[in-house]
Protein backbone atom coordinates (compact mmCIF):
# COMPACT_ATOMS: atom_id res chain seq x y z
CA MET A 1 86.36 -155.75 62.67
CA MET A 2 89.20 -155.95 65.17
CA ALA A 3 89.61 -158.55 67.52
CA THR A 4 88.76 -156.21 70.42
CA ALA A 5 86.01 -154.66 68.44
CA TRP A 6 84.27 -158.51 68.13
CA LYS A 7 84.40 -159.02 71.48
CA THR A 8 82.77 -156.09 72.54
CA TRP A 9 80.93 -156.42 69.78
CA PHE A 10 79.82 -159.84 71.29
CA ALA A 11 79.44 -158.73 74.96
CA ALA A 12 76.39 -156.56 74.15
CA LEU A 13 74.40 -159.34 72.48
CA PRO A 14 71.53 -161.12 74.91
CA LEU A 15 72.77 -164.39 76.22
CA THR A 16 69.30 -165.76 75.32
CA LEU A 17 69.37 -165.99 72.04
CA THR A 18 67.33 -166.12 68.86
CA LEU A 19 68.03 -167.50 65.32
CA ILE A 20 66.52 -164.95 62.59
CA ALA A 21 65.21 -167.22 60.50
CA PHE A 22 63.39 -165.40 58.03
CA GLY A 23 60.43 -167.03 56.69
CA CYS A 24 57.34 -165.62 54.60
CA GLY A 25 55.96 -164.18 57.68
CA GLY A 26 59.22 -162.30 59.30
CA LYS A 27 61.02 -162.83 61.24
CA GLU A 28 60.24 -166.45 63.19
CA ALA A 29 61.45 -169.47 66.53
CA LYS A 30 64.84 -169.90 66.52
CA PRO A 31 65.46 -172.74 64.57
CA ASP A 32 64.32 -176.80 65.51
CA GLY A 33 65.86 -178.13 67.44
CA ALA A 34 68.06 -175.79 68.51
CA SER A 35 68.14 -174.22 72.22
CA GLY A 36 69.69 -170.35 72.81
CA GLU A 37 72.60 -172.20 74.40
CA ASP A 38 73.56 -174.39 71.34
CA GLU A 39 73.12 -171.12 69.70
CA GLY A 40 75.34 -169.19 72.32
CA MET A 41 77.63 -171.71 71.87
CA MET A 42 78.03 -171.82 67.93
CA LEU A 43 78.23 -167.99 68.30
CA THR A 44 81.29 -168.91 71.34
CA ALA A 45 83.45 -170.59 68.66
CA THR A 46 82.51 -168.68 64.83
CA VAL A 47 83.72 -165.32 67.44
CA GLU A 48 87.20 -167.10 68.60
CA LYS A 49 88.28 -168.69 65.29
CA ILE A 50 87.61 -165.33 63.77
CA GLU A 51 89.66 -163.65 66.71
CA GLN A 52 92.82 -165.98 66.62
CA LYS A 53 92.99 -166.08 62.80
CA GLN A 54 92.77 -162.06 62.45
CA THR A 55 95.31 -161.71 64.88
CA ALA A 56 97.90 -164.09 63.79
CA LYS A 57 96.56 -162.51 60.36
CA GLN A 58 94.73 -165.12 58.84
CA PRO A 59 92.80 -164.91 55.72
CA LEU A 60 89.08 -165.51 56.57
CA SER A 61 88.08 -168.39 54.23
CA ALA A 62 84.65 -168.32 52.29
CA GLN A 63 83.29 -170.28 54.98
CA ASP A 64 84.79 -167.74 57.31
CA PHE A 65 82.25 -165.60 56.47
CA LEU A 66 79.94 -167.59 55.50
CA ASP A 67 79.83 -167.84 59.67
CA LEU A 68 80.73 -164.23 59.80
CA GLY A 69 77.68 -163.68 58.06
CA TYR A 70 75.19 -166.41 60.66
CA VAL A 71 76.95 -164.63 63.75
CA GLN A 72 75.94 -160.89 62.48
CA MET A 73 72.48 -162.17 61.33
CA MET A 74 71.85 -163.68 65.41
CA ASP A 75 72.12 -159.90 67.33
CA GLU A 76 68.22 -160.49 68.59
CA GLY A 77 68.33 -156.78 68.54
CA GLY A 78 67.43 -157.50 64.57
CA ARG A 79 68.71 -155.27 61.63
CA LYS A 80 72.04 -152.86 62.74
CA ASN A 81 74.10 -155.59 61.39
CA TRP A 82 72.68 -156.20 58.25
CA ASN A 83 73.80 -154.92 55.63
CA GLU A 84 77.80 -155.84 58.02
CA ALA A 85 76.04 -159.70 57.14
CA LEU A 86 75.59 -159.06 53.68
CA ALA A 87 79.04 -158.23 53.19
CA ASN A 88 79.85 -160.76 54.21
CA PHE A 89 78.02 -163.03 52.72
CA THR A 90 78.41 -161.70 48.97
CA LYS A 91 82.21 -162.24 50.13
CA ALA A 92 82.12 -166.26 50.25
CA ALA A 93 79.37 -166.90 47.80
CA ASP A 94 82.83 -164.23 46.19
CA ALA A 95 85.33 -166.60 47.38
CA ALA A 96 83.56 -170.49 47.53
CA GLY A 97 85.21 -171.32 44.32
CA ALA A 98 84.17 -175.12 43.82
CA ASP A 99 82.51 -175.23 47.47
CA LYS A 100 78.97 -174.89 45.97
CA ALA A 101 77.79 -175.35 49.01
CA VAL A 102 79.33 -172.45 50.83
CA PHE A 103 77.93 -170.49 47.97
CA VAL A 104 74.39 -171.44 48.00
CA LYS A 105 74.36 -170.41 51.63
CA ALA A 106 75.31 -167.81 50.78
CA ASN A 107 73.21 -166.38 48.76
CA LEU A 108 70.77 -168.16 50.75
CA ASN A 109 70.92 -165.35 53.28
CA LYS A 110 71.39 -162.69 51.08
CA GLY A 111 67.94 -163.36 48.87
CA LYS A 112 66.85 -163.85 53.06
CA LEU A 113 68.65 -160.65 54.54
CA LEU A 114 67.14 -158.92 51.27
CA ARG A 115 63.90 -159.68 51.48
CA GLU A 116 63.74 -158.72 55.37
CA MET A 117 65.13 -155.57 54.10
CA LYS A 118 62.16 -155.28 51.50
CA LYS A 119 64.69 -155.11 48.49
CA THR A 120 62.77 -157.60 46.66
CA SER A 121 64.39 -158.10 42.76
CA GLU A 122 67.77 -158.20 44.88
CA ALA A 123 66.84 -160.70 46.85
CA LEU A 124 64.61 -162.91 43.54
CA ALA A 125 68.00 -161.99 42.32
CA ALA A 126 70.28 -163.90 45.53
CA CYS A 127 67.90 -167.07 45.40
CA LYS A 128 67.67 -167.55 41.70
CA ALA A 129 71.10 -167.81 42.20
CA ALA A 130 71.16 -170.68 44.70
CA CYS A 131 68.63 -172.77 43.47
CA ASP A 132 70.73 -172.22 39.93
CA ALA A 133 74.08 -173.82 41.70
CA ALA A 134 71.73 -175.98 44.20
CA ASP A 135 69.83 -177.36 40.82
CA THR A 136 72.85 -178.71 38.92
CA ALA A 137 76.10 -178.47 41.02
CA GLU A 138 77.35 -182.04 42.62
CA GLY A 139 76.86 -183.07 45.89
CA ILE A 140 74.44 -180.22 47.23
CA ASP A 141 72.62 -181.69 50.01
CA ALA A 142 68.45 -182.61 49.25
CA ARG A 143 68.08 -180.48 52.56
CA LEU A 144 69.61 -177.83 51.18
CA LYS A 145 68.39 -177.65 47.57
CA SER A 146 65.34 -177.71 49.21
CA ASP A 147 65.79 -175.13 51.18
CA ALA A 148 67.23 -172.53 48.69
CA HIS A 149 63.56 -173.02 46.27
CA THR A 150 61.50 -172.00 49.86
CA GLU A 151 63.33 -169.57 50.23
CA HIS A 152 62.56 -168.77 46.10
CA GLY A 153 58.97 -169.61 47.07
CA CYS A 154 58.64 -167.44 50.02
CA THR A 155 60.35 -164.42 48.76
CA PHE A 156 57.96 -164.58 45.45
CA GLU A 157 54.70 -164.86 48.01
CA ARG A 158 55.92 -161.65 49.21
CA ASP A 159 56.15 -160.05 46.25
CA GLN A 160 52.53 -161.35 45.18
CA LYS A 161 53.40 -163.74 43.09
CA THR A 162 51.08 -166.80 44.21
CA ASP A 163 52.01 -168.95 41.49
CA ASN A 164 55.89 -168.40 40.83
CA ALA A 165 55.37 -169.71 45.25
CA GLU A 166 53.50 -172.14 43.98
CA SER A 167 56.07 -174.11 42.32
CA CYS A 168 58.72 -173.19 44.05
CA TYR A 169 57.21 -175.09 47.24
CA THR A 170 56.53 -177.62 44.86
CA MET A 171 60.63 -178.01 43.73
CA ALA A 172 61.25 -177.96 46.77
CA ILE A 173 59.09 -181.25 47.51
CA ALA A 174 60.61 -182.61 44.73
CA ALA A 175 63.64 -181.99 46.01
CA ASP A 176 63.49 -183.58 49.25
CA GLY A 177 59.87 -184.79 50.54
CA GLY A 178 61.04 -185.87 53.46
CA TYR A 179 61.21 -182.27 54.63
CA PRO A 180 58.37 -179.95 56.99
CA LYS A 181 58.97 -176.67 55.51
CA PRO A 182 58.11 -176.66 52.27
CA TYR A 183 55.56 -178.38 52.62
CA TRP A 184 53.77 -175.14 55.25
CA TYR A 185 55.28 -172.78 52.76
CA ARG A 186 53.16 -174.60 50.50
CA GLY A 187 50.45 -175.75 52.46
CA ARG A 188 49.61 -172.36 54.24
CA LEU A 189 49.66 -169.98 50.26
CA PHE A 190 46.55 -172.97 49.36
CA ALA A 191 44.38 -172.39 52.42
CA LYS A 192 44.89 -168.57 51.38
CA ARG A 193 43.92 -168.61 47.99
CA ASN A 194 40.92 -170.95 49.15
CA ASP A 195 39.65 -167.68 51.08
CA SER A 196 40.20 -165.78 47.55
CA THR A 197 39.06 -167.08 44.23
CA LYS A 198 41.30 -171.10 43.75
CA GLY A 199 39.09 -172.88 46.48
CA ASP A 200 43.33 -175.20 46.82
CA ALA A 201 41.11 -176.70 50.34
CA ALA A 202 41.29 -180.14 49.35
CA ALA A 203 45.15 -179.23 48.65
CA ALA A 204 45.46 -176.68 51.86
CA ALA A 205 44.23 -179.58 54.22
CA ALA A 206 47.37 -182.55 52.62
CA ASP A 207 49.94 -180.82 52.63
CA LEU A 208 48.97 -179.16 56.31
CA LYS A 209 49.09 -183.31 56.92
CA LYS A 210 51.90 -183.85 55.35
CA TYR A 211 53.74 -181.19 57.77
CA LEU A 212 52.10 -182.41 60.99
CA GLU A 213 52.96 -186.28 60.03
CA LEU A 214 56.36 -185.57 59.77
CA ASP A 215 56.69 -183.11 62.71
CA PRO A 216 54.19 -183.22 64.87
CA GLU A 217 56.39 -180.59 67.05
CA ALA A 218 57.01 -177.88 63.93
CA LYS A 219 57.97 -174.75 65.32
CA ASN A 220 54.83 -173.77 63.16
CA ALA A 221 52.72 -177.13 64.31
CA ASP A 222 49.51 -175.01 66.59
CA LYS A 223 48.77 -172.55 63.33
CA ALA A 224 49.13 -176.07 61.36
CA ARG A 225 45.89 -177.54 63.38
CA GLU A 226 44.68 -174.15 62.96
CA LEU A 227 44.38 -173.69 59.16
CA LEU A 228 43.55 -177.03 59.30
CA LYS A 229 40.14 -177.05 60.53
CA SER A 230 39.09 -174.17 58.25
CA VAL A 231 40.15 -176.25 54.46
CA ALA A 232 39.75 -179.88 55.85
CA PRO A 233 36.26 -180.86 54.62
CA LYS A 234 33.42 -180.67 57.08
CA SER A 235 31.92 -184.49 57.89
């Protein structure tokens, strides 16, 4: 896309932006700790960097394609840029080479988008690629590894494969026990199953309490507190 086209597209974005952080429940609020102003600055910097490279006829790197995909996911209007984002995440993964962190992030985001597009088998394949690389490559950040397994679990849960989802959330917690996110999703899963057949109230309560202990102001904290009331043992 030419630089002028980028400027036109970027100018049409809302001034206060929210990231489409695709969790199991669909579109959620922006990431914890990121303000609309922070996101706007990131978008501006990314678009300017890409424009400069395109103007200079320089090839885009794997990180550039990854950043470009992020920009296209940041459009609050939603789905109109998803196919372009998918294409750029695919280019990022293909160009990543030895940079396994970029490969993991690219496939992780492909999985998120494909899940929201209801392309479950493709989403599961992308998430598995991210998890396999995160588990085998050296130097992968524990938080990124945890995120990969959490998103894999979300996709299994969306596909009604709750045992697979539980396994993924458990692997996410094993990767980074100090990361709140997988405790929320596993705790919520246990709470749902407690309403049906498996009676996981105690496990749900333990995970939800841990989630709140790790981050009392997390974006799903209020939901976790409400859910905890329904599964906590009555005194």
